[in-house]
Amino acid sequence: MAADSFLSTAQVVCPPALLDRASDKDAAVTAIVGADHPVALDSARQAQAAGIIAPILIGSRSGIEAAAQEIDWDVSGFDVVEAEGEAAAAETGARLASSGAVAMVMKGHVHSDTFMRPLLAKDGGIRGEGRLSHVFHMTVPGASQSIMLTDCALNVAPNIRTRIAIVENVVGLAHKLGNAKPRVALLAASESVSEAMPVTQECEQIATHFAASELSAEVFGPLAFDNIVSGDAAKMKGIDHPVAGQADVVVVPNIETGNALFKMMVYFMGACAAGIVLGGKVPVLLTSRADPPAARLASAALGAISAQ
């Protein structure tokens, strides 16, 4: 059987609830870093048309004008900041974010490492006292609910302290999305705590930490994936907890697990993956040219909600 026979043919759809919540507020002033490309500019156009962002276009002015003409979008009414080359555009975006001139930063036609480097710099970036982490807000066509995955893209092998910060970041986002007490599952290969699987011990310590905290969330683990998403599986294992089988958030133990999990949902299930970086002065949108338009729009919506 060919591998591509598993791939979903469903149309990726931006969740209407996400758009509604984002467009209910003032448009977020957003730096589009590397706006001198049709794909990047089209992402900005969709989010602006939905009332989600007020774009500041950063890049080569002639390139931006050419890209705008190619997609037939009049950008004469928007601020354009001249920056020749990826590095200059990224540094300009980071400076605007650090100074508070923008509420959000969106990756356009620049490489991810170039884009993130000045944003992560100790001086002049978006770092504050907290830890930066990435969140994917995942929705599947036809489903009425969503699930968030964290951290699938930024922290490679987070220790206990980092995963605690990751939980705090995603819970803050969940509150802004209207979930007053999100159910947060700590993913491992088993629900049994074992020295042979150190991740299970780490999950137990994280859960114990939050059990004694005042964070408005249910945090529980370790849980294997089946016990996170299936109430029947959890019941068969004798797991009786509000998070088991009905998690709103899955906290992965490392980037490999998270990367595989979100891509499986995208390619096998046709999921819409809205992704942002949290924990800094402003949210950051790590969009990609490979992302479908619906996912880029959903990312902008999620970032705008976080910015508000």
Protein backbone atom coordinates (compact mmCIF):
# COMPACT_ATOMS: atom_id res chain seq x y z
CA MET A 1 0.00 0.00 0.00
CA ALA A 2 1.38 3.42 -0.99
CA ALA A 3 2.05 5.84 1.83
CA ASP A 4 0.04 8.59 0.14
CA SER A 5 -3.10 6.44 0.37
CA PHE A 6 -3.33 7.55 4.01
CA LEU A 7 -3.29 11.23 3.15
CA SER A 8 -6.44 13.23 3.74
CA THR A 9 -8.19 14.81 0.77
CA ALA A 10 -10.38 16.98 2.99
CA GLN A 11 -10.37 20.72 2.42
CA VAL A 12 -8.52 22.50 5.23
CA VAL A 13 -10.94 24.95 6.87
CA CYS A 14 -10.18 27.90 9.14
CA PRO A 15 -12.41 27.43 12.22
CA PRO A 16 -15.20 30.04 12.16
CA ALA A 17 -15.21 30.31 15.97
CA LEU A 18 -11.58 31.41 15.91
CA LEU A 19 -12.31 34.07 13.27
CA ASP A 20 -15.36 35.30 15.16
CA ARG A 21 -13.46 35.74 18.41
CA ALA A 22 -10.53 37.47 16.69
CA SER A 23 -12.65 39.84 14.60
CA ASP A 24 -14.72 40.82 17.64
CA LYS A 25 -11.81 43.03 18.80
CA ASP A 26 -9.78 45.85 17.28
CA ALA A 27 -7.44 44.75 14.49
CA ALA A 28 -3.96 43.93 15.83
CA VAL A 29 -1.19 46.08 14.38
CA THR A 30 1.05 43.43 12.81
CA ALA A 31 4.54 43.57 11.35
CA ILE A 32 4.74 41.42 8.20
CA VAL A 33 8.44 40.53 7.99
CA GLY A 34 9.38 39.88 4.37
CA ALA A 35 6.20 41.16 2.76
CA ASP A 36 7.82 41.35 -0.68
CA HIS A 37 6.40 38.06 -1.94
CA PRO A 38 2.89 37.19 -3.22
CA VAL A 39 2.29 34.37 -0.70
CA ALA A 40 3.30 36.49 2.29
CA LEU A 41 1.29 39.43 1.05
CA ASP A 42 -1.76 37.29 0.36
CA SER A 43 -1.64 36.01 3.95
CA ALA A 44 -1.67 39.60 5.17
CA ARG A 45 -4.50 40.49 2.80
CA GLN A 46 -6.74 37.69 4.05
CA ALA A 47 -6.18 38.58 7.69
CA GLN A 48 -6.69 42.29 7.00
CA ALA A 49 -9.89 41.63 5.04
CA ALA A 50 -11.22 39.58 7.96
CA GLY A 51 -10.64 42.53 10.28
CA ILE A 52 -7.98 40.66 12.26
CA ILE A 53 -4.83 42.68 11.56
CA ALA A 54 -3.69 46.14 10.54
CA PRO A 55 -0.52 45.31 8.60
CA ILE A 56 2.82 47.10 8.55
CA LEU A 57 4.65 45.77 5.50
CA ILE A 58 8.40 45.24 5.88
CA GLY A 59 10.71 44.49 2.95
CA SER A 60 11.83 45.83 -0.38
CA ARG A 61 9.36 48.55 -1.37
CA SER A 62 9.65 47.69 -5.06
CA GLY A 63 9.22 43.99 -4.21
CA ILE A 64 6.14 44.71 -2.11
CA GLU A 65 4.61 46.82 -4.89
CA ALA A 66 5.30 44.08 -7.45
CA ALA A 67 3.83 41.37 -5.22
CA ALA A 68 0.77 43.53 -4.52
CA GLN A 69 0.23 44.05 -8.23
CA GLU A 70 0.55 40.30 -8.81
CA ILE A 71 -2.23 39.50 -6.32
CA ASP A 72 -4.23 42.62 -7.29
CA TRP A 73 -4.20 44.25 -3.85
CA ASP A 74 -3.98 47.98 -3.32
CA VAL A 75 -1.49 48.50 -0.46
CA SER A 76 -1.14 52.26 -0.88
CA GLY A 77 -3.02 52.84 2.38
CA PHE A 78 -0.68 50.74 4.53
CA ASP A 79 2.62 51.61 6.16
CA VAL A 80 5.62 50.20 4.29
CA VAL A 81 9.00 49.99 6.01
CA GLU A 82 11.90 49.67 3.59
CA ALA A 83 14.32 46.84 4.46
CA GLU A 84 16.62 45.26 1.89
CA GLY A 85 17.30 41.58 2.51
CA GLU A 86 15.99 39.03 4.99
CA ALA A 87 18.26 39.98 7.87
CA ALA A 88 17.35 43.67 7.69
CA ALA A 89 13.63 42.85 7.49
CA ALA A 90 13.86 40.52 10.49
CA GLU A 91 15.77 43.09 12.55
CA THR A 92 13.20 45.75 11.69
CA GLY A 93 10.32 43.51 12.75
CA ALA A 94 12.03 42.66 16.03
CA ARG A 95 12.70 46.33 16.73
CA LEU A 96 9.05 47.25 16.18
CA ALA A 97 7.94 44.40 18.43
CA SER A 98 10.42 45.21 21.17
CA SER A 99 9.43 48.88 21.21
CA GLY A 100 5.70 48.14 21.42
CA ALA A 101 4.99 49.68 18.02
CA VAL A 102 3.22 46.48 16.90
CA ALA A 103 1.02 43.97 18.70
CA MET A 104 2.12 40.96 16.66
CA VAL A 105 4.82 39.80 14.23
CA MET A 106 4.13 37.57 11.21
CA LYS A 107 6.77 35.65 9.28
CA GLY A 108 6.61 36.39 5.58
CA HIS A 109 9.13 35.53 2.86
CA VAL A 110 12.13 34.97 5.15
CA HIS A 111 13.85 31.87 6.48
CA SER A 112 12.69 30.83 9.93
CA ASP A 113 16.12 31.03 11.57
CA THR A 114 16.74 34.50 10.13
CA PHE A 115 13.28 35.61 11.21
CA MET A 116 13.58 34.33 14.78
CA ARG A 117 17.19 35.30 15.53
CA PRO A 118 16.60 39.00 16.33
CA LEU A 119 13.29 38.21 18.03
CA LEU A 120 15.09 35.85 20.43
CA ALA A 121 18.02 38.19 21.07
CA LYS A 122 18.52 39.16 24.71
CA ASP A 123 18.72 42.82 23.71
CA GLY A 124 16.13 44.27 21.38
CA GLY A 125 14.00 41.13 21.01
CA ILE A 126 10.67 40.05 22.45
CA ARG A 127 11.96 38.12 25.44
CA GLY A 128 10.51 39.04 28.81
CA GLU A 129 10.71 37.30 32.14
CA GLY A 130 8.80 34.24 30.90
CA ARG A 131 9.76 31.33 28.69
CA LEU A 132 8.87 31.35 25.00
CA SER A 133 6.89 28.38 23.72
CA HIS A 134 4.92 27.38 20.64
CA VAL A 135 1.27 26.30 20.48
CA PHE A 136 -0.70 24.67 17.67
CA HIS A 137 -4.46 25.12 17.79
CA MET A 138 -5.76 22.09 15.84
CA THR A 139 -9.20 21.67 14.28
CA VAL A 140 -10.44 18.85 12.07
CA PRO A 141 -13.01 19.41 9.28
CA GLY A 142 -16.51 18.68 10.52
CA ALA A 143 -15.55 18.63 14.20
CA SER A 144 -17.06 21.08 16.66
CA GLN A 145 -14.13 21.05 19.07
CA SER A 146 -10.41 21.81 18.91
CA ILE A 147 -7.30 20.64 20.70
CA MET A 148 -4.06 22.47 21.37
CA LEU A 149 -0.62 20.86 21.09
CA THR A 150 2.46 22.31 22.78
CA ASP A 151 5.43 22.59 22.31
CA CYS A 152 5.82 21.12 18.82
CA ALA A 153 8.15 23.67 17.23
CA LEU A 154 10.34 25.70 19.56
CA ASN A 155 11.62 23.95 22.71
CA VAL A 156 13.52 20.86 21.63
CA ALA A 157 13.88 18.81 24.81
CA PRO A 158 12.18 20.82 27.58
CA ASN A 159 13.02 19.97 31.18
CA ILE A 160 10.48 20.07 33.99
CA ARG A 161 10.84 23.80 34.63
CA THR A 162 10.43 24.58 30.94
CA ARG A 163 7.36 22.35 30.60
CA ILE A 164 5.81 24.12 33.59
CA ALA A 165 6.27 27.41 31.72
CA ILE A 166 4.85 25.80 28.57
CA VAL A 167 1.73 24.80 30.52
CA GLU A 168 1.36 28.29 31.97
CA ASN A 169 1.61 29.86 28.50
CA VAL A 170 -0.98 27.60 26.90
CA VAL A 171 -3.39 27.94 29.82
CA GLY A 172 -3.21 31.73 29.45
CA LEU A 173 -4.11 31.35 25.78
CA ALA A 174 -6.95 28.96 26.60
CA HIS A 175 -8.40 31.54 28.98
CA LYS A 176 -8.35 34.14 26.19
CA LEU A 177 -10.13 31.63 23.96
CA GLY A 178 -12.92 31.44 26.53
CA ASN A 179 -11.97 28.23 28.35
CA ALA A 180 -11.90 29.22 32.02
CA LYS A 181 -10.48 25.89 33.23
CA PRO A 182 -8.76 23.98 30.41
CA ARG A 183 -7.95 20.29 30.79
CA VAL A 184 -4.22 19.83 30.18
CA ALA A 185 -2.80 16.35 29.52
CA LEU A 186 0.89 15.53 29.98
CA LEU A 187 1.77 13.05 27.24
CA ALA A 188 3.98 10.01 27.84
CA ALA A 189 4.12 6.45 26.51
CA SER A 190 2.33 5.09 29.56
CA GLU A 191 0.11 6.19 32.42
CA SER A 192 2.28 4.20 34.82
CA VAL A 193 5.14 6.02 36.52
CA SER A 194 8.37 4.11 35.95
CA GLU A 195 12.10 4.67 36.37
CA ALA A 196 12.54 2.95 33.01
CA MET A 197 10.63 5.86 31.40
CA PRO A 198 11.90 9.07 32.99
CA VAL A 199 9.30 11.16 31.14
CA THR A 200 6.56 9.54 33.22
CA GLN A 201 8.31 10.68 36.40
CA GLU A 202 8.66 14.18 35.00
CA CYS A 203 4.96 14.30 34.12
CA GLU A 204 4.08 13.23 37.66
CA GLN A 205 6.24 16.03 39.10
CA ILE A 206 4.66 18.61 36.78
CA ALA A 207 1.14 17.45 37.70
CA THR A 208 2.03 17.60 41.40
CA HIS A 209 3.34 21.14 40.95
CA PHE A 210 0.09 22.36 39.44
CA ALA A 211 -2.06 20.48 41.93
CA ALA A 212 -0.60 22.80 44.58
CA SER A 213 -0.81 25.96 42.43
CA GLU A 214 -3.61 28.46 41.88
CA LEU A 215 -3.56 28.11 38.08
CA SER A 216 -7.11 27.79 36.76
CA ALA A 217 -6.62 24.51 34.90
CA GLU A 218 -6.77 20.75 35.37
CA VAL A 219 -3.25 19.42 34.71
CA PHE A 220 -2.78 15.65 34.76
CA GLY A 221 -0.27 13.05 33.70
CA PRO A 222 1.44 10.95 32.71
CA LEU A 223 -1.11 9.80 30.15
CA ALA A 224 -0.61 7.71 27.03
CA PHE A 225 -2.24 9.18 23.93
CA ASP A 226 -5.20 6.80 23.89
CA ASN A 227 -6.08 7.79 27.45
CA ILE A 228 -5.90 11.45 26.49
CA VAL A 229 -8.37 11.31 23.60
CA SER A 230 -10.58 8.32 24.42
CA GLY A 231 -12.80 8.15 27.47
CA ASP A 232 -13.41 4.45 26.83
CA ALA A 233 -9.68 3.72 26.78
CA ALA A 234 -9.18 5.65 30.01
CA LYS A 235 -12.08 3.82 31.65
CA MET A 236 -10.65 0.43 30.66
CA LYS A 237 -7.36 1.44 32.30
CA GLY A 238 -9.18 2.52 35.44
CA ILE A 239 -8.18 6.17 35.04
CA ASP A 240 -10.77 8.43 36.67
CA HIS A 241 -9.81 12.07 36.12
CA PRO A 242 -11.44 15.05 34.34
CA VAL A 243 -8.54 15.28 31.88
CA ALA A 244 -8.58 11.59 30.85
CA GLY A 245 -10.39 11.15 27.55
CA GLN A 246 -11.35 14.80 27.19
CA ALA A 247 -8.21 16.92 27.11
CA ASP A 248 -8.24 20.43 25.68
CA VAL A 249 -4.43 20.59 25.58
CA VAL A 250 -1.69 18.00 25.01
CA VAL A 251 1.77 18.85 26.36
CA VAL A 252 4.35 16.77 24.47
CA PRO A 253 7.65 15.64 26.06
CA ASN A 254 9.89 16.71 23.16
CA ILE A 255 9.85 18.35 19.76
CA GLU A 256 10.03 15.07 17.79
CA THR A 257 6.81 13.81 19.37
CA GLY A 258 5.04 17.11 18.84
CA ASN A 259 6.25 17.55 15.28
CA ALA A 260 5.06 14.06 14.32
CA LEU A 261 1.73 14.46 16.11
CA PHE A 262 0.70 17.75 14.53
CA LYS A 263 1.86 16.69 11.05
CA MET A 264 -0.05 13.42 11.37
CA MET A 265 -3.20 15.42 12.11
CA VAL A 266 -2.54 17.73 9.17
CA TYR A 267 -1.70 15.09 6.57
CA PHE A 268 -3.88 12.18 7.71
CA MET A 269 -6.87 14.12 9.07
CA GLY A 270 -6.87 17.37 7.09
CA ALA A 271 -6.50 19.39 10.29
CA CYS A 272 -6.10 23.14 10.29
CA ALA A 273 -2.98 23.98 12.33
CA ALA A 274 -2.91 27.52 13.68
CA GLY A 275 0.50 28.10 15.23
CA ILE A 276 1.96 30.93 17.33
CA VAL A 277 4.85 31.58 19.71
CA LEU A 278 3.78 32.72 23.19
CA GLY A 279 5.55 34.06 26.24
CA GLY A 280 7.16 37.15 24.73
CA LYS A 281 6.23 40.81 24.55
CA VAL A 282 4.07 40.04 21.51
CA PRO A 283 2.87 36.82 19.86
CA VAL A 284 4.80 35.59 16.83
CA LEU A 285 3.30 33.85 13.79
CA LEU A 286 5.61 31.25 12.26
CA THR A 287 3.70 30.78 9.03
CA SER A 288 5.16 28.81 6.13
CA ARG A 289 4.79 28.91 2.37
CA ALA A 290 3.72 25.27 2.64
CA ASP A 291 0.80 26.18 4.92
CA PRO A 292 -2.59 26.29 3.20
CA PRO A 293 -4.30 29.70 3.22
CA ALA A 294 -6.80 28.54 5.87
CA ALA A 295 -4.01 27.67 8.30
CA ARG A 296 -2.26 31.00 7.74
CA LEU A 297 -5.52 32.85 8.39
CA ALA A 298 -6.22 30.75 11.49
CA SER A 299 -2.71 31.51 12.81
CA ALA A 300 -3.35 35.23 12.38
CA ALA A 301 -6.65 34.88 14.24
CA LEU A 302 -5.03 32.96 17.08
CA GLY A 303 -2.23 35.50 17.33
CA ALA A 304 -4.67 38.41 17.38
CA ILE A 305 -6.65 36.75 20.19
CA SER A 306 -3.44 36.25 22.15
CA ALA A 307 -2.37 39.85 21.52
CA GLN A 308 -5.66 41.13 22.93
